[in-house]
Protein backbone atom coordinates (compact mmCIF):
# COMPACT_ATOMS: atom_id res chain seq x y z
CA MET A 1 20.04 8.66 -11.25
CA SER A 2 18.12 9.86 -14.52
CA VAL A 3 17.75 13.45 -15.51
CA MET A 4 14.34 12.88 -15.62
CA TYR A 5 13.96 11.73 -12.06
CA LYS A 6 16.25 14.70 -11.07
CA ALA A 7 14.11 17.27 -12.59
CA ALA A 8 10.89 15.83 -11.11
CA SER A 9 12.25 16.03 -7.72
CA THR A 10 13.36 19.33 -8.15
CA ILE A 11 9.78 20.54 -9.06
CA VAL A 12 8.39 18.37 -6.31
CA ARG A 13 10.82 20.25 -3.53
CA LEU A 14 10.29 23.64 -5.12
CA LEU A 15 6.41 22.87 -4.80
CA GLY A 16 6.61 22.43 -1.18
CA VAL A 17 4.52 19.07 -1.12
CA LYS A 18 6.12 18.24 2.30
CA LYS A 19 4.30 21.17 3.82
CA MET A 20 0.95 19.35 3.52
CA PHE A 21 2.15 16.46 6.26
CA LEU A 22 2.77 19.39 8.81
CA LYS A 23 -0.98 19.70 9.21
CA ASN A 24 -2.68 18.79 12.60
CA LYS A 25 -5.21 16.36 12.72
CA GLU A 26 -8.33 18.49 11.87
CA GLU A 27 -6.43 20.28 8.94
CA MET A 28 -5.40 16.91 7.46
CA LEU A 29 -8.93 15.50 7.80
CA ALA A 30 -10.05 18.39 6.03
CA TYR A 31 -7.55 18.41 3.23
CA ALA A 32 -8.27 14.60 2.81
CA ARG A 33 -12.14 15.12 2.74
CA LYS A 34 -11.76 17.85 0.05
CA GLU A 35 -9.59 15.64 -2.14
CA ASN A 36 -11.71 12.61 -1.74
CA ALA A 37 -15.00 14.77 -3.03
CA LYS A 38 -13.05 14.98 -6.46
CA ALA A 39 -14.09 12.55 -8.87
CA VAL A 40 -11.09 10.05 -9.77
CA PHE A 41 -13.04 7.37 -10.59
CA ASP A 42 -16.31 7.14 -13.10
CA LEU A 43 -17.77 3.68 -13.43
CA LYS A 44 -19.43 4.08 -16.56
CA LYS A 45 -16.37 5.42 -18.26
CA ALA A 46 -14.09 2.61 -16.90
CA MET A 47 -16.71 0.17 -18.25
CA LYS A 48 -16.51 1.97 -21.81
CA ARG A 49 -12.74 1.82 -21.34
CA ALA A 50 -12.85 -1.89 -20.45
CA GLU A 51 -14.89 -2.51 -23.52
CA ARG A 52 -12.64 -0.45 -25.97
CA LYS A 53 -9.59 -2.27 -24.65
CA ASN A 54 -11.38 -5.77 -24.89
CA TYR A 55 -11.47 -6.84 -21.13
CA ILE A 56 -13.93 -7.45 -18.52
CA LEU A 57 -14.31 -4.93 -15.38
CA PHE A 58 -16.40 -6.41 -12.88
CA HIS A 59 -17.79 -4.14 -9.78
CA ARG A 60 -19.23 -5.23 -6.49
CA GLU A 61 -19.25 -4.42 -2.78
CA ILE A 62 -17.48 -5.94 0.00
CA MET A 63 -19.29 -4.74 3.53
CA GLY A 64 -20.59 -1.66 1.56
CA TYR A 65 -17.08 -0.87 -0.09
CA ARG A 66 -16.50 -1.08 -3.85
CA LEU A 67 -14.48 -3.84 -5.33
CA LEU A 68 -13.25 -3.93 -9.10
CA SER A 69 -12.18 -7.06 -10.67
CA TYR A 70 -9.93 -6.55 -14.00
CA GLN A 71 -10.30 -9.73 -16.10
CA LYS A 72 -9.41 -10.64 -19.58
CA ASP A 73 -12.31 -13.02 -19.66
CA GLN A 74 -15.66 -13.37 -18.24
CA MET A 75 -14.82 -16.42 -16.25
CA ALA A 76 -12.34 -15.74 -13.62
CA GLY A 77 -8.70 -16.95 -14.14
CA GLU A 78 -6.54 -19.15 -12.27
CA ALA A 79 -4.45 -16.47 -10.43
CA ALA A 80 -5.19 -13.12 -9.13
CA VAL A 81 -3.47 -10.14 -7.54
CA LEU A 82 -5.16 -8.03 -4.67
CA TYR A 83 -4.28 -4.40 -5.26
CA LEU A 84 -4.08 -1.96 -2.29
CA PHE A 85 -3.73 1.59 -3.03
CA GLY A 86 -1.76 4.23 -1.21
CA GLY A 87 -2.84 7.54 0.50
CA GLY A 88 -1.88 7.62 4.05
CA MET A 89 -5.12 5.79 4.94
CA ILE A 90 -7.06 8.91 4.29
CA THR A 91 -7.08 9.63 0.58
CA GLN A 92 -8.67 7.75 -2.25
CA PRO A 93 -6.82 6.24 -5.32
CA ASP A 94 -5.85 8.19 -7.95
CA LYS A 95 -5.34 7.50 -11.73
CA LEU A 96 -1.96 5.99 -11.42
CA ASP A 97 -3.40 3.30 -9.51
CA PHE A 98 -6.17 2.40 -11.94
CA SER A 99 -3.37 2.59 -14.91
CA LEU A 100 -1.19 0.29 -12.88
CA ALA A 101 -3.91 -2.34 -12.01
CA GLU A 102 -5.02 -2.61 -15.74
CA ARG A 103 -1.43 -2.75 -17.02
CA ILE A 104 -0.99 -5.75 -14.16
CA MET A 105 -3.80 -7.43 -15.97
CA GLU A 106 -2.91 -7.24 -19.00
CA LYS A 107 1.08 -8.09 -18.38
CA THR A 108 0.48 -11.07 -16.30
CA ASP A 109 -2.68 -12.40 -17.43
CA LYS A 110 -3.92 -12.48 -14.02
CA ASP A 111 -7.23 -11.19 -12.62
CA VAL A 112 -6.63 -7.73 -10.65
CA TRP A 113 -8.97 -7.02 -7.69
CA PHE A 114 -8.70 -3.54 -6.85
CA LEU A 115 -10.34 -2.33 -3.33
CA PHE A 116 -11.50 0.58 -2.05
CA TYR A 117 -10.98 -0.01 1.38
CA PRO A 118 -12.39 2.01 4.11
CA LEU A 119 -10.55 5.44 4.93
CA CYS A 120 -9.73 6.81 8.21
CA SER A 121 -11.20 10.08 6.74
CA GLU A 122 -14.47 8.43 6.79
CA ASP A 123 -14.88 8.62 10.67
CA VAL A 124 -13.83 4.99 10.72
CA LYS A 125 -10.77 3.61 12.70
CA VAL A 126 -8.25 1.18 11.05
CA ASP A 127 -9.54 -1.96 12.44
CA LYS A 128 -12.64 -1.18 10.19
CA THR A 129 -10.32 -1.01 7.35
CA TYR A 130 -8.49 -4.53 8.42
CA ASP A 131 -12.02 -6.19 8.44
CA VAL A 132 -12.92 -5.20 4.85
CA CYS A 133 -9.25 -6.08 3.63
CA PHE A 134 -9.71 -9.51 5.57
CA GLU A 135 -13.08 -10.17 4.15
CA THR A 136 -11.76 -9.69 0.54
CA TYR A 137 -8.93 -11.68 0.95
CA ARG A 138 -11.45 -14.31 2.29
CA LEU A 139 -13.49 -14.06 -0.76
CA MET A 140 -10.58 -14.06 -3.11
CA THR A 141 -9.49 -17.71 -1.23
CA GLU A 142 -13.13 -19.01 -2.36
CA ASN A 143 -12.08 -18.16 -5.93
CA TYR A 144 -8.46 -19.09 -6.26
CA LYS A 145 -6.01 -21.34 -4.60
CA ALA A 146 -4.11 -19.06 -2.12
CA LYS A 147 -0.88 -19.91 -3.51
CA ASN A 148 -2.06 -18.40 -6.80
CA ILE A 149 -2.75 -15.03 -5.09
CA SER A 150 -0.26 -12.32 -4.79
CA VAL A 151 -0.84 -9.21 -2.76
CA LEU A 152 0.58 -5.63 -4.11
CA GLY A 153 0.48 -2.80 -1.68
CA PHE A 154 1.86 1.06 -1.97
CA SER A 155 2.27 3.17 1.21
CA SER A 156 -0.76 2.80 3.35
CA GLY A 157 -1.78 -0.15 1.14
CA ALA A 158 1.65 -1.77 1.68
CA CYS A 159 1.08 -1.68 5.32
CA LEU A 160 -2.09 -3.49 4.49
CA SER A 161 -0.60 -5.84 2.39
CA LEU A 162 1.44 -7.21 5.59
CA GLY A 163 -1.00 -6.29 7.90
CA ILE A 164 -3.97 -8.49 6.67
CA PHE A 165 -1.74 -11.38 7.32
CA LEU A 166 -0.47 -10.31 10.60
CA HIS A 167 -4.39 -10.29 11.44
CA ASN A 168 -4.80 -13.70 10.10
CA ASN A 169 -2.17 -14.82 12.48
CA ALA A 170 -3.51 -13.04 15.40
CA LEU A 171 -6.85 -14.71 14.56
CA GLY A 172 -5.20 -18.05 14.70
CA ARG A 173 -4.48 -18.35 11.06
CA PRO A 174 -8.16 -19.26 9.59
CA LEU A 175 -6.91 -18.73 5.99
CA PRO A 176 -3.89 -19.83 4.11
CA MET A 177 -1.19 -17.53 3.17
CA PRO A 178 -1.00 -15.98 -0.60
CA GLY A 179 1.75 -17.07 -2.71
CA LYS A 180 3.63 -13.75 -2.30
CA ILE A 181 3.45 -10.32 -1.08
CA ILE A 182 5.11 -7.06 -2.73
CA SER A 183 4.96 -4.18 -0.06
CA VAL A 184 6.38 -0.81 -1.75
CA SER A 185 7.26 2.01 1.09
CA PRO A 186 5.75 0.31 4.10
CA GLY A 187 6.25 2.22 7.30
CA GLY A 188 4.33 2.20 10.60
CA ILE A 189 2.86 4.79 13.18
CA PRO A 190 4.10 3.58 16.44
CA ASP A 191 3.29 4.89 19.89
CA LEU A 192 6.26 7.41 19.92
CA SER A 193 5.65 8.20 24.02
CA LEU A 194 7.43 5.01 24.62
CA ASP A 195 11.32 4.76 25.02
CA GLU A 196 11.34 1.44 22.95
CA ASN A 197 10.28 3.64 19.91
CA LYS A 198 12.71 6.74 20.38
CA GLU A 199 15.30 4.97 18.13
CA ILE A 200 13.00 4.70 15.16
CA TRP A 201 11.77 8.08 15.54
CA GLU A 202 15.30 9.22 15.46
CA LYS A 203 16.11 7.17 12.30
CA VAL A 204 12.90 8.55 10.46
CA ASN A 205 14.03 12.24 11.16
CA ALA A 206 17.61 11.68 9.96
CA LEU A 207 16.22 10.81 6.47
CA ASN A 208 14.09 13.76 6.83
CA HIS A 209 16.24 15.94 4.88
CA LYS A 210 16.27 13.60 1.92
CA ASP A 211 12.56 13.17 1.38
CA ILE A 212 11.14 15.41 -1.17
CA MET A 213 7.34 14.32 -0.06
CA ILE A 214 6.66 13.16 3.40
CA ASP A 215 7.55 14.78 6.63
CA PRO A 216 7.80 12.62 9.60
CA THR A 217 5.34 14.69 11.55
CA TYR A 218 2.73 13.01 9.80
CA LEU A 219 3.44 9.51 11.67
CA LYS A 220 1.93 11.35 14.81
CA THR A 221 -0.86 12.83 13.23
CA ALA A 222 -1.60 9.37 11.28
CA ARG A 223 -1.82 7.70 14.43
CA GLU A 224 -4.15 10.13 16.04
CA ILE A 225 -6.27 9.61 13.09
CA ALA A 226 -6.14 5.89 12.71
CA LYS A 227 -6.51 5.16 16.50
CA GLY A 228 -8.39 7.88 18.19
CA ASP A 229 -9.20 6.64 21.34
CA ALA A 230 -10.15 2.92 20.29
CA ASP A 231 -8.37 -0.04 21.83
CA LEU A 232 -6.50 -1.54 19.01
CA PRO A 233 -3.98 -4.16 18.42
CA GLU A 234 -0.53 -2.43 18.00
CA TYR A 235 0.13 -4.47 14.88
CA MET A 236 -2.44 -2.52 13.24
CA LEU A 237 -0.77 0.67 13.61
CA ASP A 238 2.71 -0.55 13.55
CA GLY A 239 3.30 -3.85 11.57
CA THR A 240 7.01 -4.29 12.65
CA VAL A 241 5.63 -5.58 16.10
CA GLY A 242 3.36 -8.36 14.30
CA ASP A 243 3.73 -11.98 13.95
CA PHE A 244 5.11 -12.74 10.58
CA THR A 245 5.16 -16.55 10.98
CA ASP A 246 4.44 -18.55 7.84
CA PHE A 247 4.51 -15.73 5.69
CA PRO A 248 5.11 -16.23 2.08
CA LYS A 249 8.02 -14.63 0.37
CA THR A 250 7.88 -10.93 0.87
CA TYR A 251 9.52 -8.15 -1.34
CA PHE A 252 10.03 -4.70 0.48
CA TYR A 253 10.51 -1.92 -2.12
CA TYR A 254 11.93 1.49 -0.74
CA GLY A 255 13.46 4.58 -2.18
CA GLU A 256 16.96 5.42 -0.72
CA ASN A 257 15.84 9.04 0.01
CA GLU A 258 12.33 8.63 1.94
CA CYS A 259 11.87 8.72 5.51
CA LEU A 260 10.03 5.47 5.55
CA TYR A 261 13.25 3.78 4.56
CA ALA A 262 14.20 3.68 8.33
CA PHE A 263 11.55 0.95 8.84
CA ALA A 264 13.39 -1.50 6.55
CA ASP A 265 15.56 -2.77 9.01
CA GLU A 266 12.73 -2.84 11.44
CA PHE A 267 10.91 -5.26 8.92
CA LYS A 268 14.06 -7.10 8.14
CA LYS A 269 14.55 -7.83 12.02
CA ALA A 270 10.71 -9.01 12.40
CA MET A 271 10.92 -11.09 9.31
CA GLU A 272 14.10 -12.75 10.53
CA LYS A 273 12.63 -13.32 13.88
CA HIS A 274 9.95 -15.26 12.67
CA HIS A 275 11.93 -17.12 9.90
CA ALA A 276 10.11 -15.69 6.94
CA SER A 277 11.58 -15.15 3.47
CA TYR A 278 12.02 -11.73 2.45
CA GLU A 279 14.08 -9.50 0.13
CA ILE A 280 14.41 -5.56 0.35
CA ILE A 281 14.85 -3.78 -2.92
CA VAL A 282 16.35 -0.22 -2.24
CA GLY A 283 15.92 2.56 -5.23
CA ASN A 284 19.25 4.52 -5.13
CA GLY A 285 18.43 8.06 -4.75
CA MET A 286 14.91 7.38 -5.15
CA CYS A 287 11.56 8.87 -3.28
CA HIS A 288 8.52 7.35 -1.59
CA CYS A 289 6.65 4.71 -3.90
CA TYR A 290 8.88 5.44 -7.08
CA PRO A 291 7.62 2.12 -8.94
CA LEU A 292 4.13 3.64 -9.12
CA VAL A 293 5.37 6.26 -11.63
CA ARG A 294 6.58 5.35 -14.94
CA PHE A 295 7.83 8.64 -16.65
CA PHE A 296 11.32 8.41 -15.23
CA ARG A 297 13.58 5.25 -15.87
CA GLU A 298 13.88 4.12 -12.32
CA GLY A 299 10.36 4.12 -11.74
CA ARG A 300 9.45 2.41 -14.98
CA GLU A 301 12.05 -0.27 -14.51
CA ALA A 302 10.99 -0.84 -11.00
CA GLN A 303 7.37 -1.41 -11.85
CA ASP A 304 8.36 -3.60 -14.86
CA LYS A 305 10.39 -5.52 -12.37
CA ILE A 306 7.37 -5.93 -9.92
CA ILE A 307 5.09 -7.06 -12.74
CA GLU A 308 7.45 -9.78 -13.52
CA LEU A 309 7.43 -10.81 -10.28
CA LEU A 310 3.76 -11.01 -10.14
CA LYS A 311 3.78 -12.94 -13.64
CA SER A 312 5.44 -15.82 -11.31
């Protein structure tokens, strides 16, 4: 473990970041709305940056939600990446996401579609998020061959990177599968009142003392926020129960010291049940979504590996 990572993880622990995840539903939503009121993306500045760095940034809306397309040329390329940011389904993307989307476009020569998907802090349930993500992918298949589309997601976006295609299977497979999926730190928000989910809850809590960022309590709160009183398919809340039939090669990235690592074995079982090809990559001693960050060696190496996977 690098000195830089040790120092950063110590600072995060001392700052008490985990305490945020102990908030109840109302407190968490209030926090998310306050965070989302901050300006993290300025379209004019982004357009000027694209011009300065000599690439094209297209802007449009899908079902009323912003979609960016990073491209090297005016004409769409032959291949693309769908980028799904993290944030617990309640907070907006941040500068790290935009930087990585741009970096992927530069390093892979592929277009990158960056979707500002609906957040559950906007008084919508997660089925609306699925509808917008699914429509975005459908539009991608009109512009690119499905085998030339890769899907990359972090945290809640990682859940969506899998969930879009669980949804596709549930709908009778109206769309072809993408070429590959890279899912970084996906978890689930299962119904913890059911006896069948007691084991995963115990596994998540067993990793709690190692996790510097997320407290397992948020799984309960997130389910309240994402589902509410709506009657939703369980795979939209807990992807491990979905149908992974005909999934493309799927790469799962986890930090060894994140509580969501408990879900790795659940996804392994689900993939094997449906005879789907997968690989699980675990960062020794690493935290949640560590490949998103480049300032320490382990994150930088993992991110570069992901970019190499996206090149092919």
